[in-house]
C-alpha atoms as a PDB file:
ATOM      1  CA  MET A   1     -19.759 134.865-163.729  1.00  0.00           C
ATOM      2  CA  LYS A   2     -18.112 136.697-160.852  1.00  0.00           C
ATOM      3  CA  LEU A   3     -15.119 138.972-161.188  1.00  0.00           C
ATOM      4  CA  ILE A   4     -13.339 137.144-158.351  1.00  0.00           C
ATOM      5  CA  SER A   5     -14.554 133.759-157.152  1.00  0.00           C
ATOM      6  CA  THR A   6     -13.473 131.590-154.242  1.00  0.00           C
ATOM      7  CA  ASP A   7     -16.494 129.305-154.525  1.00  0.00           C
ATOM      8  CA  PRO A   8     -15.785 126.096-156.483  1.00  0.00           C
ATOM      9  CA  SER A   9     -19.373 126.082-157.738  1.00  0.00           C
ATOM     10  CA  GLU A  10     -19.026 129.500-159.398  1.00  0.00           C
ATOM     11  CA  ILE A  11     -16.893 130.448-162.367  1.00  0.00           C
ATOM     12  CA  GLY A  12     -14.937 133.675-162.024  1.00  0.00           C
ATOM     13  CA  VAL A  13     -12.821 135.888-164.198  1.00  0.00           C
ATOM     14  CA  VAL A  14     -10.224 135.237-161.495  1.00  0.00           C
ATOM     15  CA  SER A  15     -10.816 132.097-159.466  1.00  0.00           C
ATOM     16  CA  VAL A  16      -8.806 131.113-156.396  1.00  0.00           C
ATOM     17  CA  GLY A  17      -9.225 128.113-154.133  1.00  0.00           C
ATOM     18  CA  GLN A  18      -8.717 124.425-153.664  1.00  0.00           C
ATOM     19  CA  PHE A  19     -10.975 123.900-156.698  1.00  0.00           C
ATOM     20  CA  ALA A  20     -10.727 126.896-159.009  1.00  0.00           C
ATOM     21  CA  HIS A  21     -12.713 127.339-162.235  1.00  0.00           C
ATOM     22  CA  GLY A  22     -12.343 130.546-164.217  1.00  0.00           C
ATOM     23  CA  ILE A  23     -10.631 132.444-166.962  1.00  0.00           C
ATOM     24  CA  PHE A  24      -7.624 132.816-164.658  1.00  0.00           C
ATOM     25  CA  ALA A  25      -7.626 129.908-162.214  1.00  0.00           C
ATOM     26  CA  PHE A  26      -5.228 129.366-159.314  1.00  0.00           C
ATOM     27  CA  GLY A  27      -5.622 126.437-156.930  1.00  0.00           C
ATOM     28  CA  GLN A  28      -4.781 122.861-156.067  1.00  0.00           C
ATOM     29  CA  PHE A  29      -7.102 121.818-158.867  1.00  0.00           C
ATOM     30  CA  ALA A  30      -7.299 124.636-161.415  1.00  0.00           C
ATOM     31  CA  ARG A  31      -9.259 124.689-164.639  1.00  0.00           C
ATOM     32  CA  GLY A  32      -9.439 127.734-166.876  1.00  0.00           C
ATOM     33  CA  PHE A  33      -8.117 129.575-169.883  1.00  0.00           C
ATOM     34  CA  ILE A  34      -4.938 130.147-167.869  1.00  0.00           C
ATOM     35  CA  ALA A  35      -4.605 127.609-165.067  1.00  0.00           C
ATOM     36  CA  ILE A  36      -1.901 127.257-162.431  1.00  0.00           C
ATOM     37  CA  GLY A  37      -2.071 124.590-159.743  1.00  0.00           C
ATOM     38  CA  GLN A  38      -1.000 121.162-158.601  1.00  0.00           C
ATOM     39  CA  VAL A  39      -3.404 119.792-161.198  1.00  0.00           C
ATOM     40  CA  ALA A  40      -3.946 122.329-163.984  1.00  0.00           C
ATOM     41  CA  ILE A  41      -6.224 121.995-167.011  1.00  0.00           C
ATOM     42  CA  GLY A  42      -6.430 124.873-169.459  1.00  0.00           C
ATOM     43  CA  VAL A  43      -5.500 126.418-172.729  1.00  0.00           C
ATOM     44  CA  VAL A  44      -2.303 127.561-171.010  1.00  0.00           C
ATOM     45  CA  ALA A  45      -1.536 125.496-167.917  1.00  0.00           C
ATOM     46  CA  VAL A  46       1.320 125.096-165.456  1.00  0.00           C
ATOM     47  CA  GLY A  47       1.264 122.506-162.676  1.00  0.00           C
ATOM     48  CA  GLN A  48       2.682 119.344-161.236  1.00  0.00           C
ATOM     49  CA  ILE A  49       0.205 117.607-163.519  1.00  0.00           C
ATOM     50  CA  SER A  50      -0.691 119.754-166.509  1.00  0.00           C
ATOM     51  CA  PHE A  51      -3.136 119.090-169.344  1.00  0.00           C
ATOM     52  CA  SER A  52      -3.300 121.880-171.898  1.00  0.00           C
ATOM     53  CA  VAL A  53      -2.857 123.280-175.365  1.00  0.00           C
ATOM     54  CA  LEU A  54       0.353 125.009-174.230  1.00  0.00           C
ATOM     55  CA  GLY A  55       1.714 123.839-170.910  1.00  0.00           C
ATOM     56  CA  ALA A  56       4.487 122.849-168.588  1.00  0.00           C
ATOM     57  CA  GLY A  57       4.647 120.540-165.591  1.00  0.00           C
ATOM     58  CA  GLN A  58       6.309 117.567-163.983  1.00  0.00           C
ATOM     59  CA  ALA A  59       3.971 115.335-165.971  1.00  0.00           C
ATOM     60  CA  GLY A  60       1.194 115.871-168.461  1.00  0.00           C
ATOM     61  CA  GLY A  61       0.462 116.756-172.043  1.00  0.00           C
ATOM     62  CA  GLY A  62       0.028 119.668-174.409  1.00  0.00           C
ATOM     63  CA  ILE A  63      -1.753 119.528-177.752  1.00  0.00           C
ATOM     64  CA  ALA A  64       0.461 122.170-179.364  1.00  0.00           C
ATOM     65  CA  TRP A  65       3.460 122.327-177.009  1.00  0.00           C
ATOM     66  CA  PHE A  66       4.494 120.858-173.665  1.00  0.00           C
ATOM     67  CA  ALA A  67       7.590 120.864-171.482  1.00  0.00           C
ATOM     68  CA  GLY A  68       8.053 118.572-168.512  1.00  0.00           C
ATOM     69  CA  MET A  69       9.867 115.658-166.919  1.00  0.00           C
ATOM     70  CA  VAL A  70       7.366 113.195-168.398  1.00  0.00           C
ATOM     71  CA  GLY A  71       4.955 114.296-171.081  1.00  0.00           C
ATOM     72  CA  VAL A  72       3.494 114.094-174.556  1.00  0.00           C
ATOM     73  CA  GLY A  73       2.770 117.011-176.792  1.00  0.00           C
ATOM     74  CA  GLY A  74       2.628 118.541-180.206  1.00  0.00           C
ATOM     75  CA  ARG A  75       6.154 119.838-179.702  1.00  0.00           C
ATOM     76  CA  GLY A  76       8.470 120.725-176.848  1.00  0.00           C
ATOM     77  CA  VAL A  77      10.601 118.892-174.318  1.00  0.00           C
ATOM     78  CA  CYS A  78       8.503 115.736-174.444  1.00  0.00           C
ATOM     79  CA  LEU A  79       7.462 112.864-176.692  1.00  0.00           C
ATOM     80  CA  ARG A  80       6.496 114.834-179.793  1.00  0.00           C
ATOM     81  CA  LEU A  81       3.274 113.813-181.478  1.00  0.00           C
ATOM     82  CA  ILE A  82       3.459 116.284-184.373  1.00  0.00           C
ATOM     83  CA  PRO A  83       6.111 115.270-186.925  1.00  0.00           C
ATOM     84  CA  GLY A  84       8.882 117.828-187.036  1.00  0.00           C
ATOM     85  CA  LEU A  85       9.922 119.695-190.149  1.00  0.00           C
ATOM     86  CA  ASP A  86      13.499 120.883-190.433  1.00  0.00           C
ATOM     87  CA  LEU A  87      14.034 124.500-191.377  1.00  0.00           C
ATOM     88  CA  PRO A  88      14.258 124.912-195.163  1.00  0.00           C
ATOM     89  CA  ARG A  89      17.839 124.673-196.354  1.00  0.00           C
ATOM     90  CA  ASP A  90      19.022 125.493-199.854  1.00  0.00           C
ATOM     91  CA  PRO A  91      22.209 124.105-201.337  1.00  0.00           C
ATOM     92  CA  PRO A  92      25.057 126.646-201.111  1.00  0.00           C
ATOM     93  CA  PRO A  93      26.707 128.035-204.244  1.00  0.00           C
ATOM     94  CA  VAL A  94      29.447 125.621-205.244  1.00  0.00           C
ATOM     95  CA  VAL A  95      32.834 126.191-206.828  1.00  0.00           C
ATOM     96  CA  PRO A  96      34.779 123.838-209.102  1.00  0.00           C
ATOM     97  CA  LEU A  97      36.558 121.181-207.080  1.00  0.00           C
ATOM     98  CA  ASP A  98      39.781 121.403-209.086  1.00  0.00           C
ATOM     99  CA  ALA A  99      39.940 125.166-208.607  1.00  0.00           C
ATOM    100  CA  ALA A 100      39.393 124.825-204.855  1.00  0.00           C
ATOM    101  CA  MET A 101      42.093 122.159-204.567  1.00  0.00           C
ATOM    102  CA  ARG A 102      44.549 124.364-206.448  1.00  0.00           C
ATOM    103  CA  GLY A 103      43.779 127.270-204.142  1.00  0.00           C
ATOM    104  CA  GLU A 104      42.355 129.475-206.885  1.00  0.00           C
ATOM    105  CA  VAL A 105      38.998 129.898-205.089  1.00  0.00           C
ATOM    106  CA  ARG A 106      37.464 129.290-201.701  1.00  0.00           C
ATOM    107  CA  GLY A 107      33.968 127.879-201.366  1.00  0.00           C
ATOM    108  CA  PHE A 108      31.710 124.868-201.085  1.00  0.00           C
ATOM    109  CA  VAL A 109      32.207 121.748-203.157  1.00  0.00           C
ATOM    110  CA  ARG A 110      30.017 118.676-203.226  1.00  0.00           C
ATOM    111  CA  ALA A 111      32.049 115.678-202.104  1.00  0.00           C
ATOM    112  CA  GLU A 112      31.518 112.023-201.306  1.00  0.00           C
ATOM    113  CA  VAL A 113      31.968 110.759-197.745  1.00  0.00           C
ATOM    114  CA  VAL A 114      33.939 107.513-197.454  1.00  0.00           C
ATOM    115  CA  ASP A 115      35.402 105.502-194.609  1.00  0.00           C
ATOM    116  CA  GLY A 116      39.074 105.869-193.769  1.00  0.00           C
ATOM    117  CA  PRO A 117      41.414 104.204-191.260  1.00  0.00           C
ATOM    118  CA  ASN A 118      41.189 107.172-188.877  1.00  0.00           C
ATOM    119  CA  GLY A 119      37.674 108.365-189.587  1.00  0.00           C
ATOM    120  CA  ALA A 120      35.550 109.594-192.468  1.00  0.00           C
ATOM    121  CA  LYS A 121      37.217 111.145-195.491  1.00  0.00           C
ATOM    122  CA  LEU A 122      36.128 113.442-198.308  1.00  0.00           C
ATOM    123  CA  ALA A 123      36.395 111.934-201.760  1.00  0.00           C
ATOM    124  CA  SER A 124      35.577 112.573-205.399  1.00  0.00           C
ATOM    125  CA  GLY A 125      34.957 109.754-207.869  1.00  0.00           C
ATOM    126  CA  GLY A 126      35.975 107.278-205.166  1.00  0.00           C
ATOM    127  CA  HIS A 127      39.387 108.890-204.664  1.00  0.00           C
ATOM    128  CA  VAL A 128      40.188 110.362-201.249  1.00  0.00           C
ATOM    129  CA  LEU A 129      40.897 114.090-201.339  1.00  0.00           C
ATOM    130  CA  PRO A 130      43.994 115.408-199.537  1.00  0.00           C
ATOM    131  CA  VAL A 131      41.993 117.692-197.265  1.00  0.00           C
ATOM    132  CA  LYS A 132      42.716 118.529-193.636  1.00  0.00           C
ATOM    133  CA  MET A 133      39.902 118.978-191.086  1.00  0.00           C
ATOM    134  CA  SER A 134      39.913 119.954-187.427  1.00  0.00           C
ATOM    135  CA  PRO A 135      39.428 117.056-184.942  1.00  0.00           C
ATOM    136  CA  GLY A 136      35.960 118.337-184.021  1.00  0.00           C
ATOM    137  CA  LEU A 137      34.804 118.571-187.634  1.00  0.00           C
ATOM    138  CA  LEU A 138      36.317 115.196-188.452  1.00  0.00           C
ATOM    139  CA  GLY A 139      34.602 113.616-185.441  1.00  0.00           C
ATOM    140  CA  ALA A 140      31.191 115.026-186.420  1.00  0.00           C
ATOM    141  CA  LEU A 141      31.568 113.773-189.995  1.00  0.00           C
ATOM    142  CA  THR A 142      32.731 110.354-188.818  1.00  0.00           C
ATOM    143  CA  ASP A 143      29.807 109.991-186.407  1.00  0.00           C
ATOM    144  CA  ALA A 144      27.312 110.971-189.125  1.00  0.00           C
ATOM    145  CA  ARG A 145      28.908 108.538-191.551  1.00  0.00           C
ATOM    146  CA  ARG A 146      28.828 105.644-189.073  1.00  0.00           C
ATOM    147  CA  ALA A 147      25.180 106.389-188.279  1.00  0.00           C
ATOM    148  CA  GLY A 148      24.381 106.119-191.985  1.00  0.00           C
ATOM    149  CA  LYS A 149      23.200 109.723-192.184  1.00  0.00           C
ATOM    150  CA  VAL A 150      25.474 111.038-194.923  1.00  0.00           C
ATOM    151  CA  SER A 151      27.038 109.674-198.084  1.00  0.00           C
ATOM    152  CA  GLU A 152      27.600 113.100-199.657  1.00  0.00           C
ATOM    153  CA  ILE A 153      28.324 116.461-198.098  1.00  0.00           C
ATOM    154  CA  PHE A 154      28.949 120.088-198.992  1.00  0.00           C
ATOM    155  CA  ALA A 155      32.473 120.904-197.807  1.00  0.00           C
ATOM    156  CA  HIS A 156      33.885 124.426-197.636  1.00  0.00           C
ATOM    157  CA  LEU A 157      37.464 124.274-198.897  1.00  0.00           C
ATOM    158  CA  GLY A 158      40.288 126.774-198.933  1.00  0.00           C
ATOM    159  CA  ARG A 159      44.025 126.541-199.348  1.00  0.00           C
ATOM    160  CA  ILE A 160      46.420 127.673-196.604  1.00  0.00           C
ATOM    161  CA  GLY A 161      49.965 127.423-197.867  1.00  0.00           C
ATOM    162  CA  ASP A 162      50.410 123.937-199.262  1.00  0.00           C
ATOM    163  CA  VAL A 163      47.439 122.478-197.340  1.00  0.00           C
ATOM    164  CA  VAL A 164      43.793 122.369-198.448  1.00  0.00           C
ATOM    165  CA  VAL A 165      41.631 122.912-195.374  1.00  0.00           C
ATOM    166  CA  CYS A 166      37.953 122.150-194.817  1.00  0.00           C
ATOM    167  CA  ASP A 167      36.523 124.527-192.221  1.00  0.00           C
ATOM    168  CA  ARG A 168      32.777 123.971-192.660  1.00  0.00           C
ATOM    169  CA  LEU A 169      30.444 121.140-193.548  1.00  0.00           C
ATOM    170  CA  MET A 170      26.820 121.308-194.660  1.00  0.00           C
ATOM    171  CA  GLU A 171      24.426 118.427-195.192  1.00  0.00           C
ATOM    172  CA  VAL A 172      22.920 117.948-198.618  1.00  0.00           C
ATOM    173  CA  PRO A 173      19.244 118.976-198.206  1.00  0.00           C
ATOM    174  CA  GLY A 174      16.914 115.988-198.355  1.00  0.00           C
ATOM    175  CA  ALA A 175      19.743 113.455-198.382  1.00  0.00           C
ATOM    176  CA  ARG A 176      19.289 112.198-194.838  1.00  0.00           C
ATOM    177  CA  PRO A 177      17.215 108.982-194.808  1.00  0.00           C
ATOM    178  CA  ARG A 178      13.852 108.845-193.037  1.00  0.00           C
ATOM    179  CA  GLN A 179      14.328 107.851-189.434  1.00  0.00           C
ATOM    180  CA  PHE A 180      10.828 106.534-188.734  1.00  0.00           C
ATOM    181  CA  PRO A 181       8.464 104.446-190.854  1.00  0.00           C
ATOM    182  CA  LEU A 182       5.038 105.672-191.952  1.00  0.00           C
ATOM    183  CA  ALA A 183       3.317 103.468-189.335  1.00  0.00           C
ATOM    184  CA  PHE A 184       5.067 105.405-186.564  1.00  0.00           C
ATOM    185  CA  HIS A 185       3.680 108.701-187.862  1.00  0.00           C
ATOM    186  CA  VAL A 186       0.172 107.198-188.138  1.00  0.00           C
ATOM    187  CA  VAL A 187       0.317 106.065-184.494  1.00  0.00           C
ATOM    188  CA  ARG A 188       1.670 109.461-183.477  1.00  0.00           C
ATOM    189  CA  PHE A 189      -1.241 111.203-185.224  1.00  0.00           C
ATOM    190  CA  LEU A 190      -3.776 108.931-183.523  1.00  0.00           C
ATOM    191  CA  LEU A 191      -2.176 109.694-180.144  1.00  0.00           C
ATOM    192  CA  LEU A 192      -2.449 113.411-180.879  1.00  0.00           C
ATOM    193  CA  VAL A 193      -6.164 112.994-181.674  1.00  0.00           C
ATOM    194  CA  ALA A 194      -6.631 111.076-178.403  1.00  0.00           C
ATOM    195  CA  LEU A 195      -4.783 113.779-176.480  1.00  0.00           C
ATOM    196  CA  ALA A 196      -6.907 116.523-178.039  1.00  0.00           C
ATOM    197  CA  THR A 197     -10.126 114.604-177.323  1.00  0.00           C
ATOM    198  CA  GLY A 198      -9.125 114.008-173.707  1.00  0.00           C
ATOM    199  CA  TRP A 199      -8.255 117.674-173.222  1.00  0.00           C
ATOM    200  CA  TRP A 200     -11.569 118.795-174.733  1.00  0.00           C
ATOM    201  CA  TYR A 201     -13.529 116.491-172.426  1.00  0.00           C
ATOM    202  CA  ALA A 202     -11.621 117.514-169.295  1.00  0.00           C
ATOM    203  CA  PHE A 203     -11.728 121.230-170.105  1.00  0.00           C
ATOM    204  CA  THR A 204     -15.429 121.389-170.917  1.00  0.00           C
ATOM    205  CA  GLN A 205     -16.658 119.433-167.899  1.00  0.00           C
ATOM    206  CA  MET A 206     -16.885 122.464-165.582  1.00  0.00           C
ATOM    207  CA  GLU A 207     -18.498 120.714-162.660  1.00  0.00           C
ATOM    208  CA  GLY A 208     -19.262 122.883-159.675  1.00  0.00           C
END
């Protein structure tokens, strides 16, 4: 292995050329641990067409992460093949609903979400609560309700004068229904295996 190679038949620590093969490869067709080129194949790769473990490009794929206009990857700005896990969220400490409505305490209460004539409403035992929300908060709750994502919510309540105001909403952890069936995740896993196999084959075929 040469320190610097411009010969496509020789692997270099740094390889430069139309066909570059090395640890650091730069060329029209680059293949290496770090590869940059029009077509780049590597562990870390950037190119118009990129095939990598971690990569970016106009088109391509990354086993762990990829960003591009068109691509597949473990994660990133692409069609994700690894199922995502939301950050762990614990339920907030709650206060008694009656005490919050009377203005004795401020805090989160667990409330039902029901449909109203002008958007979603907070309720308890099927009865709508006289709570005021900002238009933005009301719109977000209404959209989530119409999409079937929430039937219960943690609402942060406080009393201002004679009005009970909700200034924050938090989803109930684990309450959102699954968006994709098991078959989708099986296909996604098989695609990830195919992507990893294709990358391994392309990366290891260091033809001079």
